Amino acid sequence: MPLLKASKKALRTSRRAQKRNALQARRLKESLKNADEKGINKTYSAIDKAAKRGIIHKNKAARLKSKIAHRIDKSKMVSRDTKGISR
């Protein structure tokens, strides 16, 4: 445990920040898991907020957004291909 008054305050501050960051990271993880065509705006928003607050790096945020866009485009193509098949 810290002995100095300033160290105690710093510990309290860092613990509050840790809780806030953990909540933001959980929200990001959930939105990435549930990312689909309808909720893409919420997912992008969660990614941008996490990058803005320093939870993830801005380049990782760009990678995640690109990955989601590719996955959604692929699913659109698959659904479009299966609609054209007549059996």
C-alpha atoms as a PDB file:
ATOM      1  CA  MET A   1       0.000   0.000   0.000  1.00  0.00           C
ATOM      2  CA  PRO A   2       1.189   3.521  -0.687  1.00  0.00           C
ATOM      3  CA  LEU A   3       2.449   5.577   2.214  1.00  0.00           C
ATOM      4  CA  LEU A   4       2.330   9.105   0.837  1.00  0.00           C
ATOM      5  CA  LYS A   5      -0.890  11.060   0.524  1.00  0.00           C
ATOM      6  CA  ALA A   6      -0.323  11.770  -3.173  1.00  0.00           C
ATOM      7  CA  SER A   7       0.389   8.093  -3.815  1.00  0.00           C
ATOM      8  CA  LYS A   8      -2.895   7.111  -2.161  1.00  0.00           C
ATOM      9  CA  LYS A   9      -4.772   9.584  -4.365  1.00  0.00           C
ATOM     10  CA  ALA A  10      -2.985   8.286  -7.447  1.00  0.00           C
ATOM     11  CA  LEU A  11      -3.945   4.726  -6.522  1.00  0.00           C
ATOM     12  CA  ARG A  12      -7.616   5.708  -6.156  1.00  0.00           C
ATOM     13  CA  THR A  13      -7.528   7.495  -9.501  1.00  0.00           C
ATOM     14  CA  SER A  14      -5.873   4.606 -11.301  1.00  0.00           C
ATOM     15  CA  ARG A  15      -8.378   2.107  -9.858  1.00  0.00           C
ATOM     16  CA  ARG A  16     -11.290   4.265 -11.067  1.00  0.00           C
ATOM     17  CA  ALA A  17      -9.694   4.483 -14.506  1.00  0.00           C
ATOM     18  CA  GLN A  18      -9.110   0.719 -14.501  1.00  0.00           C
ATOM     19  CA  LYS A  19     -12.810   0.069 -13.858  1.00  0.00           C
ATOM     20  CA  ARG A  20     -13.819   2.536 -16.568  1.00  0.00           C
ATOM     21  CA  ASN A  21     -11.404   0.990 -19.064  1.00  0.00           C
ATOM     22  CA  ALA A  22     -12.560  -2.548 -18.236  1.00  0.00           C
ATOM     23  CA  LEU A  23     -16.178  -1.531 -18.855  1.00  0.00           C
ATOM     24  CA  GLN A  24     -15.249   0.057 -22.182  1.00  0.00           C
ATOM     25  CA  ALA A  25     -13.239  -3.015 -23.195  1.00  0.00           C
ATOM     26  CA  ARG A  26     -16.185  -5.291 -22.312  1.00  0.00           C
ATOM     27  CA  ARG A  27     -18.547  -3.160 -24.403  1.00  0.00           C
ATOM     28  CA  LEU A  28     -16.113  -3.310 -27.302  1.00  0.00           C
ATOM     29  CA  LYS A  29     -15.772  -7.076 -27.037  1.00  0.00           C
ATOM     30  CA  GLU A  30     -19.544  -7.590 -26.951  1.00  0.00           C
ATOM     31  CA  SER A  31     -20.161  -5.300 -29.902  1.00  0.00           C
ATOM     32  CA  LEU A  32     -17.448  -7.077 -31.926  1.00  0.00           C
ATOM     33  CA  LYS A  33     -19.014 -10.417 -31.150  1.00  0.00           C
ATOM     34  CA  ASN A  34     -22.483  -9.238 -32.189  1.00  0.00           C
ATOM     35  CA  ALA A  35     -21.356  -7.247 -35.230  1.00  0.00           C
ATOM     36  CA  ASP A  36     -23.730  -7.674 -38.144  1.00  0.00           C
ATOM     37  CA  GLU A  37     -25.087  -5.606 -41.001  1.00  0.00           C
ATOM     38  CA  LYS A  38     -27.784  -3.959 -38.859  1.00  0.00           C
ATOM     39  CA  GLY A  39     -25.569  -3.046 -35.912  1.00  0.00           C
ATOM     40  CA  ILE A  40     -22.481  -1.941 -37.813  1.00  0.00           C
ATOM     41  CA  ASN A  41     -22.875   1.687 -36.751  1.00  0.00           C
ATOM     42  CA  LYS A  42     -22.935   0.756 -33.049  1.00  0.00           C
ATOM     43  CA  THR A  43     -19.912  -1.471 -33.519  1.00  0.00           C
ATOM     44  CA  TYR A  44     -17.958   1.242 -35.339  1.00  0.00           C
ATOM     45  CA  SER A  45     -18.917   3.702 -32.612  1.00  0.00           C
ATOM     46  CA  ALA A  46     -17.692   1.350 -29.880  1.00  0.00           C
ATOM     47  CA  ILE A  47     -14.405   0.823 -31.731  1.00  0.00           C
ATOM     48  CA  ASP A  48     -13.899   4.560 -32.226  1.00  0.00           C
ATOM     49  CA  LYS A  49     -14.645   5.326 -28.574  1.00  0.00           C
ATOM     50  CA  ALA A  50     -12.203   2.663 -27.404  1.00  0.00           C
ATOM     51  CA  ALA A  51      -9.496   4.081 -29.671  1.00  0.00           C
ATOM     52  CA  LYS A  52     -10.223   7.638 -28.563  1.00  0.00           C
ATOM     53  CA  ARG A  53      -9.931   6.702 -24.899  1.00  0.00           C
ATOM     54  CA  GLY A  54      -6.746   4.707 -25.393  1.00  0.00           C
ATOM     55  CA  ILE A  55      -8.213   1.258 -24.763  1.00  0.00           C
ATOM     56  CA  ILE A  56      -6.935   0.136 -28.167  1.00  0.00           C
ATOM     57  CA  HIS A  57      -4.520   1.727 -30.626  1.00  0.00           C
ATOM     58  CA  LYS A  58      -5.959   3.744 -33.507  1.00  0.00           C
ATOM     59  CA  ASN A  59      -4.396   1.402 -36.073  1.00  0.00           C
ATOM     60  CA  LYS A  60      -5.989  -1.581 -34.385  1.00  0.00           C
ATOM     61  CA  ALA A  61      -9.308   0.250 -34.529  1.00  0.00           C
ATOM     62  CA  ALA A  62      -8.875   0.717 -38.274  1.00  0.00           C
ATOM     63  CA  ARG A  63      -7.975  -2.966 -38.679  1.00  0.00           C
ATOM     64  CA  LEU A  64     -11.042  -4.079 -36.727  1.00  0.00           C
ATOM     65  CA  LYS A  65     -13.361  -1.853 -38.752  1.00  0.00           C
ATOM     66  CA  SER A  66     -11.877  -3.156 -41.990  1.00  0.00           C
ATOM     67  CA  LYS A  67     -12.202  -6.754 -40.818  1.00  0.00           C
ATOM     68  CA  ILE A  68     -15.870  -6.250 -39.920  1.00  0.00           C
ATOM     69  CA  ALA A  69     -16.589  -4.584 -43.269  1.00  0.00           C
ATOM     70  CA  HIS A  70     -14.987  -7.483 -45.157  1.00  0.00           C
ATOM     71  CA  ARG A  71     -16.902 -10.040 -43.095  1.00  0.00           C
ATOM     72  CA  ILE A  72     -20.211  -8.271 -43.742  1.00  0.00           C
ATOM     73  CA  ASP A  73     -19.454  -7.947 -47.474  1.00  0.00           C
ATOM     74  CA  LYS A  74     -18.672 -11.659 -47.615  1.00  0.00           C
ATOM     75  CA  SER A  75     -21.943 -12.543 -45.920  1.00  0.00           C
ATOM     76  CA  LYS A  76     -23.825 -10.319 -48.385  1.00  0.00           C
ATOM     77  CA  MET A  77     -22.158 -12.081 -51.307  1.00  0.00           C
ATOM     78  CA  VAL A  78     -22.977 -15.512 -49.918  1.00  0.00           C
ATOM     79  CA  SER A  79     -26.617 -14.603 -49.366  1.00  0.00           C
ATOM     80  CA  ARG A  80     -26.813 -13.066 -52.850  1.00  0.00           C
ATOM     81  CA  ASP A  81     -25.307 -16.223 -54.417  1.00  0.00           C
ATOM     82  CA  THR A  82     -27.701 -18.551 -52.638  1.00  0.00           C
ATOM     83  CA  LYS A  83     -30.714 -16.489 -53.702  1.00  0.00           C
ATOM     84  CA  GLY A  84     -29.887 -16.989 -57.381  1.00  0.00           C
ATOM     85  CA  ILE A  85     -29.790 -20.775 -57.132  1.00  0.00           C
ATOM     86  CA  SER A  86     -33.023 -22.501 -58.121  1.00  0.00           C
ATOM     87  CA  ARG A  87     -33.532 -26.141 -57.248  1.00  0.00           C
END
